[in-house]
Each structure stands twice: as C-alpha cells, then as structure tokens.
Amino acid sequence: MKKNLVIFDFDQTLMDTLGKEEGLKIWKEKTGQDYPHKGWWGRKESLDLDVFDIEPNEDVLSDYYKHKENDDTICLVTGRLKKLEDYVKLILDKHNLDFNGGVYCRDGGKDTADFKLKLFKKMIDTGDYHNITIYEDRFDHVKIFQEWTRSLDIPGKIVFV
C-alpha cells in the first residue's frame, strides 16, 4: 500500500529549541556558570532539560497530530549528531511524540542538507510513497528540498516554518 512520507526537522521546526546566543544567556542564568563549550548544536548541554524548557512548536505539532491520525509514515530527521540521539529522543518522549518511520540523526560530516537529502533519496528509493511532505525551518534547505522534490515522480510539498 502506498503511503505518504512526512518528515519533520527537529530544531526550531518541530521543537522550539534555542539558538546559541539565547541559550548561552539562559545557561548562565540557570547554572550561574559560563557555558563550557565553543560549539552549540553538537553539544548535549544545548538539549539539557534541567536548564532549558524545550517545547513543541504548536503550529507544527498540530500538523504532526493530523499526520498521525492518517497513519502516514512519519519520521523525524535532524542535523543533530548521532551521539545526541538519546537526548533528542528524551525530549520527544517527554512530549509523547513518536515517529513510526524512525528518528534519524546525522552520523558525521558538516553539511546537514546533504545528509538529509541523501536520507530522503534512500527513503524514496526503498519505500512505496505517493507523496512527500517535509517540514523545515532553514530557508537554504527549503530551496534544496524543493528542487529535489520537483525531480520526483511523486508530488512533494515543503512546509517552511
């Protein structure tokens, strides 16, 4: 049976995670210490639920529930590194969000768009989908994904959040 493939980006799309600048301020306020690292997105501390109140983006969450009702194949894809997968899943579990298509984290490299695009292609090649919908917050990624979906024999829709 053909299905829809619905893909949600994690950071600042499905979940209202903080960028580095705002996160550093809150880290200092809550811990009384300077943030111990130069990097942000690749660090588990940026997902620390004892420091940050990471909540879903309500508009995207509403779409998530609509897709779940339709029993579509939905998955979460994030540029977060594989070493942070347990932290990503902890946040999803906290909000009772599950993905029957899986949760995918980047396993290296610096180009998140390239990682996602290769994964999307693999999913399309190995599944029997009649439609693809991608939720994404980064405009540069949206443009790449829009161009890719135009090359498919199935309809594609990119939702820019």
Protein backbone atom coordinates (compact mmCIF):
# COMPACT_ATOMS: atom_id res chain seq x y z
CA MET A 1 0.00 0.00 0.00
CA LYS A 2 1.37 3.39 -0.96
CA LYS A 3 1.88 5.87 1.83
CA ASN A 4 2.75 9.45 2.45
CA LEU A 5 6.24 10.19 3.68
CA VAL A 6 6.13 13.02 6.20
CA ILE A 7 9.43 14.31 7.53
CA PHE A 8 9.87 16.74 10.40
CA ASP A 9 13.05 18.63 11.18
CA PHE A 10 13.71 18.77 14.94
CA ASP A 11 15.42 22.04 15.88
CA GLN A 12 13.34 25.18 15.53
CA THR A 13 10.77 23.31 13.45
CA LEU A 14 9.02 20.62 15.48
CA MET A 15 10.69 21.70 18.70
CA ASP A 16 11.27 25.28 19.80
CA THR A 17 14.93 24.78 20.69
CA LEU A 18 17.14 27.75 21.41
CA GLY A 19 19.95 29.05 19.27
CA LYS A 20 23.36 29.59 20.79
CA GLU A 21 23.03 33.29 21.65
CA GLU A 22 19.81 32.98 23.64
CA GLY A 23 20.86 29.60 25.03
CA LEU A 24 24.09 30.99 26.48
CA LYS A 25 22.14 33.65 28.40
CA ILE A 26 19.73 31.12 29.87
CA TRP A 27 22.58 28.71 30.67
CA LYS A 28 24.30 31.45 32.70
CA GLU A 29 21.05 32.46 34.46
CA LYS A 30 20.10 28.89 35.40
CA THR A 31 23.51 27.42 36.24
CA GLY A 32 25.39 30.52 37.41
CA GLN A 33 28.30 29.43 35.20
CA ASP A 34 29.58 30.28 31.76
CA TYR A 35 28.72 27.74 29.07
CA PRO A 36 31.66 25.30 29.00
CA HIS A 37 31.98 24.84 25.20
CA LYS A 38 32.51 26.81 21.99
CA GLY A 39 30.06 24.73 19.98
CA TRP A 40 26.30 24.55 20.49
CA TRP A 41 24.35 22.28 18.15
CA GLY A 42 26.75 19.37 18.59
CA ARG A 43 26.68 19.50 22.40
CA LYS A 44 24.36 17.61 24.73
CA GLU A 45 24.18 20.66 27.01
CA SER A 46 22.08 22.50 24.39
CA LEU A 47 19.38 19.86 24.99
CA ASP A 48 19.62 19.80 28.79
CA LEU A 49 16.05 19.65 30.10
CA ASP A 50 17.22 20.71 33.57
CA VAL A 51 18.30 24.03 32.05
CA PHE A 52 16.05 24.57 29.03
CA ASP A 53 12.29 24.32 28.68
CA ILE A 54 12.14 22.75 25.22
CA GLU A 55 8.56 22.76 24.00
CA PRO A 56 6.99 21.84 20.66
CA ASN A 57 6.19 24.47 18.06
CA GLU A 58 2.39 24.49 18.38
CA ASP A 59 1.64 25.04 14.66
CA VAL A 60 3.88 22.18 13.60
CA LEU A 61 2.66 20.00 16.46
CA SER A 62 -0.89 20.41 15.16
CA ASP A 63 0.24 19.11 11.74
CA TYR A 64 2.10 16.25 13.43
CA TYR A 65 -1.15 15.08 15.05
CA LYS A 66 -3.06 15.36 11.76
CA HIS A 67 -0.48 13.17 10.04
CA LYS A 68 -0.51 10.66 12.89
CA GLU A 69 -4.30 10.30 12.52
CA ASN A 70 -3.85 9.39 8.86
CA ASP A 71 -1.37 6.64 9.69
CA ASP A 72 1.18 8.15 7.32
CA THR A 73 4.77 7.11 7.56
CA ILE A 74 6.21 9.95 9.55
CA CYS A 75 9.73 10.39 10.73
CA LEU A 76 11.97 12.90 12.37
CA VAL A 77 15.23 13.89 10.75
CA THR A 78 17.67 16.17 12.47
CA GLY A 79 21.08 17.58 11.78
CA ARG A 80 21.93 16.79 15.39
CA LEU A 81 24.76 14.33 15.63
CA LYS A 82 24.15 10.63 16.23
CA LYS A 83 25.80 10.96 19.66
CA LEU A 84 22.86 13.21 20.68
CA GLU A 85 20.13 10.83 19.51
CA ASP A 86 19.25 9.73 23.06
CA TYR A 87 18.80 13.37 24.12
CA VAL A 88 16.60 14.09 21.10
CA LYS A 89 14.50 11.01 21.91
CA LEU A 90 14.26 12.04 25.56
CA ILE A 91 12.70 15.35 24.50
CA LEU A 92 10.33 13.59 22.11
CA ASP A 93 9.34 11.13 24.85
CA LYS A 94 8.73 13.98 27.29
CA HIS A 95 6.09 15.30 24.88
CA ASN A 96 4.73 11.85 23.90
CA LEU A 97 5.85 12.23 20.28
CA ASP A 98 6.64 9.05 18.42
CA PHE A 99 7.68 8.51 14.84
CA ASN A 100 6.67 5.28 13.16
CA GLY A 101 9.13 5.95 10.35
CA GLY A 102 12.05 6.45 12.73
CA VAL A 103 14.28 9.14 14.16
CA TYR A 104 17.41 9.90 12.14
CA CYS A 105 20.45 11.83 13.32
CA ARG A 106 23.45 12.91 11.27
CA ASP A 107 26.34 10.49 11.53
CA GLY A 108 29.11 12.91 10.67
CA GLY A 109 30.12 15.47 8.10
CA LYS A 110 29.34 19.15 8.25
CA ASP A 111 26.66 19.51 5.58
CA THR A 112 23.27 18.90 7.17
CA ALA A 113 21.35 19.49 3.94
CA ASP A 114 23.45 16.88 2.15
CA PHE A 115 22.86 14.35 4.96
CA LYS A 116 19.10 14.95 4.82
CA LEU A 117 18.88 14.85 1.04
CA LYS A 118 20.77 11.52 0.84
CA LEU A 119 18.48 10.09 3.52
CA PHE A 120 15.34 11.37 1.74
CA LYS A 121 16.51 9.81 -1.52
CA LYS A 122 17.15 6.48 0.21
CA MET A 123 13.69 6.57 1.80
CA ILE A 124 12.01 7.28 -1.53
CA ASP A 125 14.05 4.57 -3.29
CA THR A 126 13.17 1.92 -0.69
CA GLY A 127 9.54 2.87 0.01
CA ASP A 128 6.34 2.97 -1.95
CA TYR A 129 5.25 6.56 -1.40
CA HIS A 130 2.76 8.60 -3.34
CA ASN A 131 3.50 11.91 -1.63
CA ILE A 132 6.27 13.52 0.41
CA THR A 133 5.96 16.42 2.86
CA ILE A 134 8.99 17.96 4.55
CA TYR A 135 8.80 20.41 7.46
CA GLU A 136 11.93 22.57 7.63
CA ASP A 137 12.96 25.90 9.16
CA ARG A 138 16.12 26.69 7.21
CA PHE A 139 15.34 28.55 4.02
CA ASP A 140 18.54 27.42 2.30
CA HIS A 141 17.49 23.81 2.95
CA VAL A 142 13.93 24.52 1.77
CA LYS A 143 15.23 25.64 -1.63
CA ILE A 144 17.38 22.50 -1.99
CA PHE A 145 14.49 20.21 -0.99
CA GLN A 146 12.04 21.99 -3.30
CA GLU A 147 14.36 21.49 -6.24
CA TRP A 148 14.78 17.82 -5.33
CA THR A 149 11.03 17.16 -4.98
CA ARG A 150 10.47 18.67 -8.45
CA SER A 151 12.66 15.88 -9.86
CA LEU A 152 10.47 13.14 -8.35
CA ASP A 153 7.64 11.28 -10.00
CA ILE A 154 5.54 11.89 -6.88
CA PRO A 155 4.16 15.14 -5.52
CA GLY A 156 6.27 16.89 -2.92
CA LYS A 157 5.48 19.70 -0.56
CA ILE A 158 7.92 21.63 1.59
CA VAL A 159 6.47 23.42 4.61
CA PHE A 160 8.68 26.34 5.62
CA VAL A 161 8.36 27.02 9.33
